[in-house]
Amino acid sequence: MLRTDTLEDTSEHISEYAGEHTESGEGRELLFQRCRWCGTPAYRRSYCRSCGSTAFVRQRSEGTGVVVRRNGHAPHNTWFVAMDEGFHLLCQVTGTAPVVVAVGARVSVVRTVAPLGQGLPLVEVARPASPLGRRW
């Protein structure tokens, strides 16, 4: 991701890029971008997909969302999640078998990234999808 805003402290810059905040150190805080011009939310983008602007403001996500669709094979347990703030991201679901996860399940962020800043955000199922809510 291209860095579009500047920070004075480089240690804070590194930790925010990794998706964590230095004060908490938990790794549960998910940061996303919001376009300064049109307000479109995005996750790790270099330009706004709506207006093309490169000016973003970083905001903290609530960390909850809905499973939209599966990505790849079941053993990897990776899913696209629509976060409540309006952006989508690829996540890995943890704490449950892949067959239990269904489209429409509510999830919450467990860890934003791996300790070295690599890998996918981890989420866990907070509320399974209801049988009527499943959209296969």
Protein backbone atom coordinates (compact mmCIF):
# COMPACT_ATOMS: atom_id res chain seq x y z
CA MET A 1 0.00 0.00 0.00
CA LEU A 2 1.24 3.44 -0.77
CA ARG A 3 1.44 5.75 2.18
CA THR A 4 -0.65 8.85 1.40
CA ASP A 5 -0.51 10.70 4.71
CA THR A 6 2.56 11.60 6.74
CA LEU A 7 3.39 10.83 10.34
CA GLU A 8 6.19 12.38 12.34
CA ASP A 9 7.02 9.32 14.44
CA THR A 10 8.39 6.42 12.37
CA SER A 11 7.61 3.78 15.01
CA GLU A 12 3.94 4.76 14.91
CA HIS A 13 4.11 4.69 11.10
CA ILE A 14 5.36 1.09 11.08
CA SER A 15 2.81 -0.14 13.60
CA GLU A 16 -0.13 1.56 11.84
CA TYR A 17 0.97 0.10 8.52
CA ALA A 18 0.91 -3.34 10.11
CA GLY A 19 -2.65 -2.74 11.31
CA GLU A 20 -1.83 -2.36 15.00
CA HIS A 21 -1.65 0.60 17.31
CA THR A 22 1.41 1.00 19.51
CA GLU A 23 -0.46 1.82 22.71
CA SER A 24 -2.62 -1.30 22.85
CA GLY A 25 -0.29 -3.87 21.29
CA GLU A 26 -3.16 -6.37 21.08
CA GLY A 27 -3.37 -6.48 17.29
CA ARG A 28 -7.17 -6.44 17.38
CA GLU A 29 -7.52 -2.91 16.05
CA LEU A 30 -8.18 -2.83 12.34
CA LEU A 31 -7.31 0.41 10.56
CA PHE A 32 -8.87 1.34 7.25
CA GLN A 33 -8.79 4.32 4.93
CA ARG A 34 -11.52 6.82 4.09
CA CYS A 35 -11.16 9.08 1.07
CA ARG A 36 -10.83 12.75 2.04
CA TRP A 37 -12.78 13.84 -1.05
CA CYS A 38 -15.73 11.49 -1.44
CA GLY A 39 -15.72 9.52 1.85
CA THR A 40 -15.43 6.07 0.27
CA PRO A 41 -13.97 3.50 2.70
CA ALA A 42 -11.14 1.20 1.56
CA TYR A 43 -8.60 -1.24 2.97
CA ARG A 44 -4.94 -0.92 1.88
CA ARG A 45 -5.52 1.00 -1.34
CA SER A 46 -3.20 3.48 -3.04
CA TYR A 47 -6.07 5.41 -4.66
CA CYS A 48 -9.84 5.77 -4.17
CA ARG A 49 -11.82 3.39 -6.37
CA SER A 50 -14.65 5.96 -6.67
CA CYS A 51 -12.96 9.28 -7.42
CA GLY A 52 -9.28 8.36 -7.98
CA SER A 53 -7.98 10.55 -5.16
CA THR A 54 -4.83 9.53 -3.28
CA ALA A 55 -5.73 11.50 -0.14
CA PHE A 56 -6.91 9.23 2.67
CA VAL A 57 -7.69 9.56 6.36
CA ARG A 58 -6.99 6.55 8.58
CA GLN A 59 -9.83 5.43 10.81
CA ARG A 60 -10.28 2.63 13.31
CA SER A 61 -12.78 -0.07 12.41
CA GLU A 62 -15.23 -1.53 14.92
CA GLY A 63 -13.92 -4.93 13.85
CA THR A 64 -17.22 -6.58 12.94
CA GLY A 65 -18.60 -7.66 9.60
CA VAL A 66 -20.50 -10.24 7.55
CA VAL A 67 -19.10 -13.12 5.51
CA VAL A 68 -19.79 -12.43 1.82
CA ARG A 69 -18.20 -15.34 -0.06
CA ARG A 70 -15.52 -18.03 0.11
CA ASN A 71 -12.15 -17.50 -1.50
CA GLY A 72 -10.22 -20.60 -2.52
CA HIS A 73 -10.35 -24.09 -1.06
CA ALA A 74 -11.86 -25.10 2.27
CA PRO A 75 -8.57 -26.08 4.02
CA HIS A 76 -7.36 -22.47 3.86
CA ASN A 77 -10.66 -21.19 5.30
CA THR A 78 -10.35 -17.78 3.61
CA TRP A 79 -13.41 -15.62 3.07
CA PHE A 80 -14.29 -12.16 1.82
CA VAL A 81 -15.84 -10.15 4.64
CA ALA A 82 -17.92 -6.99 4.26
CA MET A 83 -17.02 -4.86 7.26
CA ASP A 84 -19.70 -2.69 8.87
CA GLU A 85 -17.88 0.50 7.78
CA GLY A 86 -18.39 -0.39 4.10
CA PHE A 87 -15.10 -1.88 2.92
CA HIS A 88 -14.33 -5.50 2.00
CA LEU A 89 -11.29 -7.53 2.92
CA LEU A 90 -9.97 -11.04 2.59
CA CYS A 91 -9.79 -12.80 5.98
CA GLN A 92 -8.97 -16.16 7.41
CA VAL A 93 -11.59 -17.60 9.78
CA THR A 94 -10.20 -19.22 12.92
CA GLY A 95 -11.67 -21.20 15.78
CA THR A 96 -14.11 -23.25 13.71
CA ALA A 97 -14.16 -25.82 10.93
CA PRO A 98 -14.52 -24.47 7.37
CA VAL A 99 -17.83 -26.29 6.90
CA VAL A 100 -19.39 -24.37 9.80
CA VAL A 101 -18.74 -20.96 8.21
CA ALA A 102 -21.52 -19.81 5.89
CA VAL A 103 -22.32 -16.72 3.88
CA GLY A 104 -24.16 -14.27 6.12
CA ALA A 105 -22.35 -15.22 9.35
CA ARG A 106 -21.33 -12.32 11.59
CA VAL A 107 -17.61 -12.23 12.38
CA SER A 108 -15.30 -10.18 14.58
CA VAL A 109 -11.59 -9.45 14.24
CA VAL A 110 -9.26 -11.54 16.41
CA ARG A 111 -5.91 -10.40 14.99
CA THR A 112 -5.29 -7.88 12.25
CA VAL A 113 -2.04 -9.33 10.89
CA ALA A 114 0.69 -11.78 11.78
CA PRO A 115 3.44 -10.53 14.15
CA LEU A 116 5.78 -9.55 11.29
CA GLY A 117 3.06 -7.65 9.42
CA GLN A 118 2.39 -10.44 6.95
CA GLY A 119 -0.60 -12.65 6.36
CA LEU A 120 -4.33 -12.17 6.38
CA PRO A 121 -6.43 -10.68 9.17
CA LEU A 122 -7.96 -13.37 11.40
CA VAL A 123 -11.64 -13.31 12.30
CA GLU A 124 -13.86 -15.59 14.34
CA VAL A 125 -17.55 -16.34 13.94
CA ALA A 126 -19.54 -14.24 16.39
CA ARG A 127 -22.97 -15.37 15.19
CA PRO A 128 -23.58 -18.15 12.63
CA ALA A 129 -25.77 -17.42 9.63
CA SER A 130 -29.41 -18.34 10.02
CA PRO A 131 -30.71 -20.95 7.55
CA LEU A 132 -32.89 -18.30 5.89
CA GLY A 133 -30.02 -15.81 5.77
CA ARG A 134 -27.67 -18.07 3.83
CA ARG A 135 -27.17 -16.98 0.24
CA TRP A 136 -25.52 -19.80 -1.70
